[in-house]
């Protein structure tokens, strides 16, 4: 039986991971799990899965968590704060650590799991966006294995298996295009769009932050940067295609002109199961893909005039160093403000661009520098 740690069990990926785990009680057991603030939901999960360790990222909730956990099982160990997340990420006798914490808060716990030599199912793309080069170097050094959970990167991982890296010509990431993909959403109309409209994703059920990122195409930009580090492919060889049906999750084009794609229904449980069960493909009851019912699959180039965040991500990636940290931190902070109704849709991209323009890029930054620039960028956004 595989022992699993879930960092971020109350979020979209975490709850779906628990759904997968509950369907295979003979295969998976939850050894530890963490939450941020959704304590009521978290206690329901603790009651159902009985982990040996629990943690909250919010230290102010430690006493309440400890008291409520003791009612369920006094032997469960309770951790809190960033240190607590790092502790459960590095627990012994663990097969896989699922990292599904939103944003760059996942960085230090992921490093702890890497240095413990764990297999990491990575759903928090920001870890590689801000620290990709160092993360990949440390993964090799400590013998840790990174398995992508994002549907696009899981698709690429599967399409690359069994093939030589030097035979790859390009990676092709597909994008649903988000709720504003159709031409009727002109730039003028998007200037007045609300967060409520942006949260209406046509294909996927996701958390609010990633759903807004999908509407701006920043999500795809972050995925481009993540793919660059996961698969060691230069930015010039990573393309994005808008594929509104979300059936082809990504493709790899090889030097002999062959293209290998991974297809499936838009269901995040599938890449989660693949990562948790790897290298085995576990039989599932998930909905099967019936191509005869689709009629057609459509593709289009992304419109970077209407969605400039994608181009900004490529720019930051090519600048390298701390540019991607500025991109990510600014985006997180600006999306939070957009969700509160404080700024408009295009304020996200315009303010990111301005921050990148005035940032002096530091190449090969250490983790301390990355975290300092992350915090400084967020302060600039907050008081801008």
Protein backbone atom coordinates (compact mmCIF):
# COMPACT_ATOMS: atom_id res chain seq x y z
CA UNK A 1 0.00 0.00 0.00
CA UNK A 2 1.33 3.42 -0.96
CA UNK A 3 1.62 6.02 1.80
CA UNK A 4 0.60 9.50 0.58
CA UNK A 5 1.16 13.00 1.97
CA UNK A 6 -1.19 15.69 0.65
CA UNK A 7 -0.08 19.30 0.99
CA UNK A 8 -3.24 21.33 0.43
CA UNK A 9 -6.00 18.76 0.91
CA UNK A 10 -8.88 21.26 1.00
CA UNK A 11 -8.22 22.83 -2.39
CA UNK A 12 -9.54 21.66 -5.76
CA UNK A 13 -6.68 19.22 -6.46
CA UNK A 14 -6.52 18.03 -2.85
CA UNK A 15 -10.21 17.20 -2.62
CA UNK A 16 -10.12 15.37 -5.96
CA UNK A 17 -7.01 13.47 -4.84
CA UNK A 18 -8.87 12.30 -1.73
CA UNK A 19 -11.75 11.22 -3.95
CA UNK A 20 -9.31 9.13 -5.98
CA UNK A 21 -7.69 7.67 -2.85
CA UNK A 22 -11.05 6.76 -1.33
CA UNK A 23 -11.86 4.72 -4.45
CA UNK A 24 -8.74 2.58 -3.93
CA UNK A 25 -8.49 1.85 -0.18
CA UNK A 26 -6.43 -1.26 -0.89
CA UNK A 27 -3.80 0.77 -2.76
CA UNK A 28 -3.46 4.13 -1.00
CA UNK A 29 -3.37 5.42 2.56
CA UNK A 30 -3.08 9.05 3.65
CA UNK A 31 -0.20 9.41 6.11
CA UNK A 32 -0.38 13.21 6.42
CA UNK A 33 -2.40 16.13 5.11
CA UNK A 34 -2.44 19.88 5.44
CA UNK A 35 -4.84 22.78 5.01
CA UNK A 36 -4.60 26.55 5.06
CA UNK A 37 -7.76 27.93 6.68
CA UNK A 38 -10.73 25.70 5.74
CA UNK A 39 -10.71 23.96 9.08
CA UNK A 40 -14.28 22.61 9.03
CA UNK A 41 -13.73 20.81 5.72
CA UNK A 42 -10.29 19.70 6.89
CA UNK A 43 -11.70 18.06 10.02
CA UNK A 44 -14.19 16.13 7.89
CA UNK A 45 -11.23 14.85 5.85
CA UNK A 46 -9.26 13.95 8.98
CA UNK A 47 -12.26 12.02 10.30
CA UNK A 48 -12.62 10.13 7.02
CA UNK A 49 -8.95 9.33 6.28
CA UNK A 50 -7.35 9.20 9.75
CA UNK A 51 -3.85 10.41 8.84
CA UNK A 52 -1.04 10.10 11.38
CA UNK A 53 -0.02 13.74 10.91
CA UNK A 54 -2.00 16.91 10.19
CA UNK A 55 -0.85 20.49 9.62
CA UNK A 56 -2.27 23.95 9.08
CA UNK A 57 -0.31 26.62 7.25
CA UNK A 58 -1.99 29.22 9.45
CA UNK A 59 -0.21 29.13 12.83
CA UNK A 60 -3.09 30.97 14.49
CA UNK A 61 -5.26 27.87 13.95
CA UNK A 62 -2.84 25.49 15.69
CA UNK A 63 -4.64 25.34 19.05
CA UNK A 64 -8.05 24.82 17.49
CA UNK A 65 -6.70 22.17 15.13
CA UNK A 66 -5.01 20.36 18.02
CA UNK A 67 -8.17 20.37 20.12
CA UNK A 68 -10.45 19.21 17.31
CA UNK A 69 -7.99 16.55 16.16
CA UNK A 70 -7.72 15.13 19.69
CA UNK A 71 -11.47 14.50 19.67
CA UNK A 72 -11.03 12.29 16.59
CA UNK A 73 -7.78 10.59 17.59
CA UNK A 74 -5.41 11.88 20.26
CA UNK A 75 -2.48 10.01 18.70
CA UNK A 76 -2.52 12.14 15.53
CA UNK A 77 0.45 14.52 15.53
CA UNK A 78 -0.35 18.17 14.83
CA UNK A 79 1.97 20.62 13.01
CA UNK A 80 1.58 24.28 12.07
CA UNK A 81 3.05 27.05 9.97
CA UNK A 82 5.58 26.80 7.19
CA UNK A 83 7.83 24.69 9.42
CA UNK A 84 4.97 22.26 9.97
CA UNK A 85 4.39 21.88 6.23
CA UNK A 86 8.09 21.20 5.74
CA UNK A 87 8.01 18.57 8.50
CA UNK A 88 5.19 16.54 6.99
CA UNK A 89 6.67 16.91 3.50
CA UNK A 90 9.81 15.09 4.68
CA UNK A 91 8.20 12.32 6.74
CA UNK A 92 9.79 8.88 6.53
CA UNK A 93 8.09 5.83 5.01
CA UNK A 94 6.20 7.91 2.46
CA UNK A 95 5.82 6.91 -1.19
CA UNK A 96 4.45 10.12 -2.72
CA UNK A 97 4.05 13.73 -1.62
CA UNK A 98 1.27 15.49 -3.52
CA UNK A 99 2.02 19.22 -3.59
CA UNK A 100 -1.21 21.11 -4.28
CA UNK A 101 -0.69 24.33 -2.33
CA UNK A 102 -1.71 27.41 -4.29
CA UNK A 103 1.10 29.77 -5.25
CA UNK A 104 4.73 30.11 -4.24
CA UNK A 105 3.91 29.06 -0.66
CA UNK A 106 4.56 25.55 -1.97
CA UNK A 107 8.26 26.24 -2.59
CA UNK A 108 9.89 25.43 0.76
CA UNK A 109 7.75 22.34 1.52
CA UNK A 110 8.59 21.01 -1.95
CA UNK A 111 12.30 21.55 -1.30
CA UNK A 112 11.94 19.59 1.95
CA UNK A 113 10.33 16.69 0.08
CA UNK A 114 13.07 16.79 -2.56
CA UNK A 115 15.85 16.75 0.02
CA UNK A 116 14.17 13.76 1.66
CA UNK A 117 14.37 11.98 -1.71
CA UNK A 118 10.62 11.59 -2.11
CA UNK A 119 8.55 11.06 -5.22
CA UNK A 120 6.65 14.31 -5.69
CA UNK A 121 3.35 14.64 -7.54
CA UNK A 122 3.57 18.32 -8.37
CA UNK A 123 0.38 20.30 -8.94
CA UNK A 124 1.78 23.67 -7.77
CA UNK A 125 3.32 24.98 -10.99
CA UNK A 126 4.66 28.09 -9.27
CA UNK A 127 7.45 26.03 -7.70
CA UNK A 128 9.06 25.49 -11.09
CA UNK A 129 8.05 28.89 -12.42
CA UNK A 130 10.07 30.69 -9.74
CA UNK A 131 12.81 28.15 -9.02
CA UNK A 132 12.85 25.69 -11.90
CA UNK A 133 16.59 25.48 -12.47
CA UNK A 134 17.44 24.93 -8.80
CA UNK A 135 14.54 22.53 -8.23
CA UNK A 136 15.60 20.29 -11.11
CA UNK A 137 19.25 20.35 -9.97
CA UNK A 138 18.26 19.37 -6.42
CA UNK A 139 15.92 16.65 -7.66
CA UNK A 140 18.87 15.01 -9.41
CA UNK A 141 21.17 15.54 -6.44
CA UNK A 142 18.83 13.97 -3.89
CA UNK A 143 17.29 11.32 -6.14
CA UNK A 144 13.79 12.79 -5.92
CA UNK A 145 11.31 12.12 -8.71
CA UNK A 146 8.98 14.83 -10.02
CA UNK A 147 5.70 13.69 -11.58
CA UNK A 148 3.49 16.42 -13.04
CA UNK A 149 -0.17 16.57 -12.04
CA UNK A 150 -1.26 19.40 -14.35
CA UNK A 151 -3.24 17.72 -17.12
CA UNK A 152 -1.04 19.30 -19.82
CA UNK A 153 2.26 18.30 -18.26
CA UNK A 154 0.98 14.84 -17.39
CA UNK A 155 0.05 14.51 -21.07
CA UNK A 156 3.53 15.58 -22.16
CA UNK A 157 5.13 13.21 -19.65
CA UNK A 158 3.10 10.32 -21.06
CA UNK A 159 3.78 11.28 -24.68
CA UNK A 160 7.52 11.45 -23.99
CA UNK A 161 7.82 8.10 -22.22
CA UNK A 162 9.95 5.59 -24.07
CA UNK A 163 11.40 8.15 -26.49
CA UNK A 164 14.84 9.71 -26.59
CA UNK A 165 14.95 13.38 -25.47
CA UNK A 166 17.14 14.30 -28.47
CA UNK A 167 14.40 13.11 -30.85
CA UNK A 168 11.95 15.78 -29.64
CA UNK A 169 11.31 18.68 -32.00
CA UNK A 170 8.74 20.61 -29.99
CA UNK A 171 6.22 20.43 -27.18
CA UNK A 172 2.67 21.60 -27.87
CA UNK A 173 0.61 22.66 -24.88
CA UNK A 174 -3.11 22.91 -25.45
CA UNK A 175 -5.31 25.56 -23.84
CA UNK A 176 -9.07 25.60 -23.49
CA UNK A 177 -8.93 29.34 -24.08
CA UNK A 178 -10.97 30.07 -20.96
CA UNK A 179 -14.39 31.75 -20.80
CA UNK A 180 -13.42 34.60 -23.17
CA UNK A 181 -11.93 32.57 -26.01
CA UNK A 182 -14.59 33.45 -28.59
CA UNK A 183 -14.05 36.54 -30.78
CA UNK A 184 -17.22 38.18 -29.42
CA UNK A 185 -15.13 38.99 -26.34
CA UNK A 186 -13.35 41.97 -27.87
CA UNK A 187 -10.61 43.83 -26.05
CA UNK A 188 -13.07 46.67 -25.41
CA UNK A 189 -15.55 44.28 -23.85
CA UNK A 190 -12.87 42.57 -21.76
CA UNK A 191 -11.87 45.92 -20.26
CA UNK A 192 -15.22 45.90 -18.42
CA UNK A 193 -15.40 42.21 -17.54
CA UNK A 194 -16.05 41.19 -13.92
CA UNK A 195 -14.48 38.46 -11.83
CA UNK A 196 -17.83 36.69 -11.74
CA UNK A 197 -17.76 36.38 -15.52
CA UNK A 198 -14.12 35.31 -15.50
CA UNK A 199 -14.85 32.50 -13.05
CA UNK A 200 -17.26 30.76 -15.46
CA UNK A 201 -14.85 28.29 -17.02
CA UNK A 202 -16.51 26.31 -19.82
CA UNK A 203 -14.65 23.00 -19.33
CA UNK A 204 -12.84 22.59 -16.01
CA UNK A 205 -13.78 22.81 -12.34
CA UNK A 206 -10.88 24.56 -10.61
CA UNK A 207 -10.05 26.96 -7.80
CA UNK A 208 -10.72 30.68 -8.26
CA UNK A 209 -7.09 31.74 -8.76
CA UNK A 210 -6.32 29.22 -11.49
CA UNK A 211 -9.68 29.91 -13.16
CA UNK A 212 -8.82 33.61 -13.45
CA UNK A 213 -5.37 32.62 -14.76
CA UNK A 214 -7.13 30.55 -17.41
CA UNK A 215 -9.24 33.55 -18.43
CA UNK A 216 -6.12 35.70 -18.95
CA UNK A 217 -4.04 32.82 -20.44
CA UNK A 218 -1.48 33.41 -17.69
CA UNK A 219 -2.12 29.85 -16.63
CA UNK A 220 -0.80 28.69 -19.99
CA UNK A 221 2.16 31.04 -19.72
CA UNK A 222 3.10 29.58 -16.35
CA UNK A 223 2.74 26.11 -17.84
CA UNK A 224 5.17 27.03 -20.62
CA UNK A 225 7.78 27.97 -18.01
CA UNK A 226 7.05 24.82 -16.03
CA UNK A 227 7.43 22.66 -19.16
CA UNK A 228 10.75 24.31 -20.00
CA UNK A 229 12.22 23.02 -16.71
CA UNK A 230 10.38 19.72 -16.36
CA UNK A 231 11.36 18.51 -19.81
CA UNK A 232 14.54 20.55 -20.47
CA UNK A 233 13.19 22.03 -23.70
CA UNK A 234 13.97 25.64 -24.78
CA UNK A 235 11.18 28.21 -25.04
CA UNK A 236 11.49 28.40 -28.83
CA UNK A 237 10.45 24.74 -28.96
CA UNK A 238 7.33 25.08 -26.78
CA UNK A 239 4.12 26.09 -28.57
CA UNK A 240 0.60 26.79 -27.34
CA UNK A 241 -2.59 25.91 -29.22
CA UNK A 242 -6.13 26.86 -28.22
CA UNK A 243 -8.19 23.68 -28.23
CA UNK A 244 -11.57 24.53 -26.77
CA UNK A 245 -12.81 20.94 -26.43
CA UNK A 246 -10.03 20.09 -23.89
CA UNK A 247 -9.79 16.53 -25.20
CA UNK A 248 -6.17 16.58 -26.41
CA UNK A 249 -4.30 17.62 -23.30
CA UNK A 250 -0.93 18.17 -24.99
CA UNK A 251 1.26 16.81 -27.78
CA UNK A 252 4.89 16.10 -28.59
CA UNK A 253 6.18 16.57 -32.11
CA UNK A 254 9.23 14.48 -32.97
CA UNK A 255 12.00 15.11 -35.49
CA UNK A 256 10.65 12.45 -37.85
CA UNK A 257 7.41 14.58 -38.08
CA UNK A 258 5.40 12.20 -35.88
CA UNK A 259 3.10 13.75 -33.28
CA UNK A 260 2.12 11.83 -30.14
CA UNK A 261 -0.84 13.19 -28.19
CA UNK A 262 -2.56 12.20 -24.96
CA UNK A 263 -6.35 12.35 -25.06
CA UNK A 264 -9.01 12.00 -22.40
CA UNK A 265 -12.07 13.61 -20.88
CA UNK A 266 -11.43 16.89 -19.03
CA UNK A 267 -11.24 15.33 -15.56
CA UNK A 268 -8.40 16.17 -13.17
CA UNK A 269 -8.84 12.88 -11.37
CA UNK A 270 -7.17 11.12 -14.31
CA UNK A 271 -3.74 12.84 -14.07
CA UNK A 272 -3.97 12.61 -10.26
CA UNK A 273 -4.52 8.85 -10.44
CA UNK A 274 -1.73 8.51 -13.00
CA UNK A 275 0.74 10.33 -10.73
CA UNK A 276 -0.27 8.46 -7.56
CA UNK A 277 -0.23 5.07 -9.26
CA UNK A 278 2.84 5.57 -11.47
CA UNK A 279 4.34 3.55 -13.10
CA UNK A 280 1.23 1.39 -13.05
CA UNK A 281 -1.89 2.42 -14.95
CA UNK A 282 -4.69 1.66 -12.54
CA UNK A 283 -8.11 0.68 -13.89
CA UNK A 284 -10.69 3.40 -13.23
CA UNK A 285 -14.44 3.96 -13.54
CA UNK A 286 -13.91 7.44 -15.03
CA UNK A 287 -15.97 8.45 -18.05
CA UNK A 288 -14.57 7.04 -21.30
CA UNK A 289 -13.78 9.20 -24.30
CA UNK A 290 -16.10 8.57 -27.25
CA UNK A 291 -14.69 10.38 -30.28
CA UNK A 292 -17.81 9.63 -32.34
CA UNK A 293 -19.84 11.92 -30.06
CA UNK A 294 -17.46 14.87 -30.43
CA UNK A 295 -17.97 15.50 -34.12
CA UNK A 296 -14.79 17.53 -34.47
CA UNK A 297 -11.75 18.86 -32.63
CA UNK A 298 -10.76 22.48 -33.21
CA UNK A 299 -7.47 24.34 -32.88
CA UNK A 300 -6.42 27.97 -33.10
CA UNK A 301 -3.40 30.12 -32.34
CA UNK A 302 -3.66 32.11 -29.08
CA UNK A 303 -4.54 35.79 -29.41
CA UNK A 304 -1.82 37.62 -27.49
CA UNK A 305 -3.39 40.99 -28.31
CA UNK A 306 -6.48 40.14 -26.29
CA UNK A 307 -4.51 37.99 -23.85
CA UNK A 308 -1.08 39.60 -23.33
CA UNK A 309 -0.25 37.56 -20.22
CA UNK A 310 0.88 34.63 -22.37
CA UNK A 311 3.44 36.78 -24.18
CA UNK A 312 4.58 38.26 -20.85
CA UNK A 313 5.26 34.75 -19.53
CA UNK A 314 7.40 33.89 -22.54
CA UNK A 315 9.24 37.19 -22.06
CA UNK A 316 9.91 36.56 -18.37
CA UNK A 317 10.99 33.00 -19.10
CA UNK A 318 13.52 34.14 -21.69
CA UNK A 319 14.82 36.86 -19.34
CA UNK A 320 15.39 34.09 -16.80
CA UNK A 321 16.59 34.49 -13.24
CA UNK A 322 14.28 36.44 -10.97
CA UNK A 323 12.06 37.69 -13.80
CA UNK A 324 9.78 34.67 -13.44
CA UNK A 325 9.48 35.29 -9.70
CA UNK A 326 8.29 38.84 -10.40
CA UNK A 327 5.86 37.52 -13.01
CA UNK A 328 4.40 34.93 -10.67
CA UNK A 329 4.22 37.06 -7.51
CA UNK A 330 2.72 40.03 -9.34
CA UNK A 331 0.15 37.83 -11.00
CA UNK A 332 -0.91 36.17 -7.74
CA UNK A 333 -1.31 39.51 -5.98
CA UNK A 334 -3.09 41.16 -8.91
CA UNK A 335 -5.49 38.26 -9.39
CA UNK A 336 -6.40 38.54 -5.70
CA UNK A 337 -7.17 42.23 -6.22
CA UNK A 338 -9.18 41.48 -9.37
CA UNK A 339 -11.26 38.92 -7.46
CA UNK A 340 -12.03 41.62 -4.88
CA UNK A 341 -13.12 44.03 -7.62
CA UNK A 342 -10.27 46.47 -6.91
CA UNK A 343 -8.76 46.41 -10.41
CA UNK A 344 -9.83 45.61 -13.96
CA UNK A 345 -9.07 42.65 -16.20
CA UNK A 346 -6.30 44.35 -18.18
CA UNK A 347 -4.77 45.90 -15.06
CA UNK A 348 -3.37 42.43 -14.39
CA UNK A 349 -1.26 42.32 -17.56
CA UNK A 350 -0.37 46.03 -17.69
CA UNK A 351 0.95 46.09 -14.12
CA UNK A 352 2.90 42.87 -14.58
CA UNK A 353 4.50 44.38 -17.67
CA UNK A 354 5.43 47.53 -15.77
CA UNK A 355 6.98 45.55 -12.93
CA UNK A 356 9.01 43.43 -15.34
CA UNK A 357 10.24 46.55 -17.13
CA UNK A 358 11.68 48.11 -14.01
CA UNK A 359 12.99 44.92 -12.41
CA UNK A 360 16.74 44.32 -12.47
CA UNK A 361 17.02 40.61 -13.16
CA UNK A 362 19.31 38.53 -10.94
CA UNK A 363 20.52 35.36 -12.65
CA UNK A 364 20.92 32.09 -10.73
CA UNK A 365 19.28 33.40 -7.53
CA UNK A 366 19.34 31.36 -4.35
CA UNK A 367 16.07 30.50 -2.56
CA UNK A 368 16.46 33.37 -0.09
CA UNK A 369 16.71 35.88 -2.93
CA UNK A 370 13.72 34.34 -4.70
CA UNK A 371 11.58 34.63 -1.56
CA UNK A 372 12.75 38.22 -0.92
CA UNK A 373 11.84 39.31 -4.44
CA UNK A 374 8.55 37.45 -4.21
CA UNK A 375 7.64 39.36 -1.03
CA UNK A 376 8.86 42.70 -2.41
CA UNK A 377 6.85 42.29 -5.60
CA UNK A 378 3.70 41.55 -3.63
CA UNK A 379 4.25 44.68 -1.54
CA UNK A 380 4.60 46.78 -4.69
CA UNK A 381 1.33 45.42 -6.05
CA UNK A 382 -0.47 45.96 -2.76
CA UNK A 383 0.53 49.60 -2.45
CA UNK A 384 0.59 50.53 -6.13
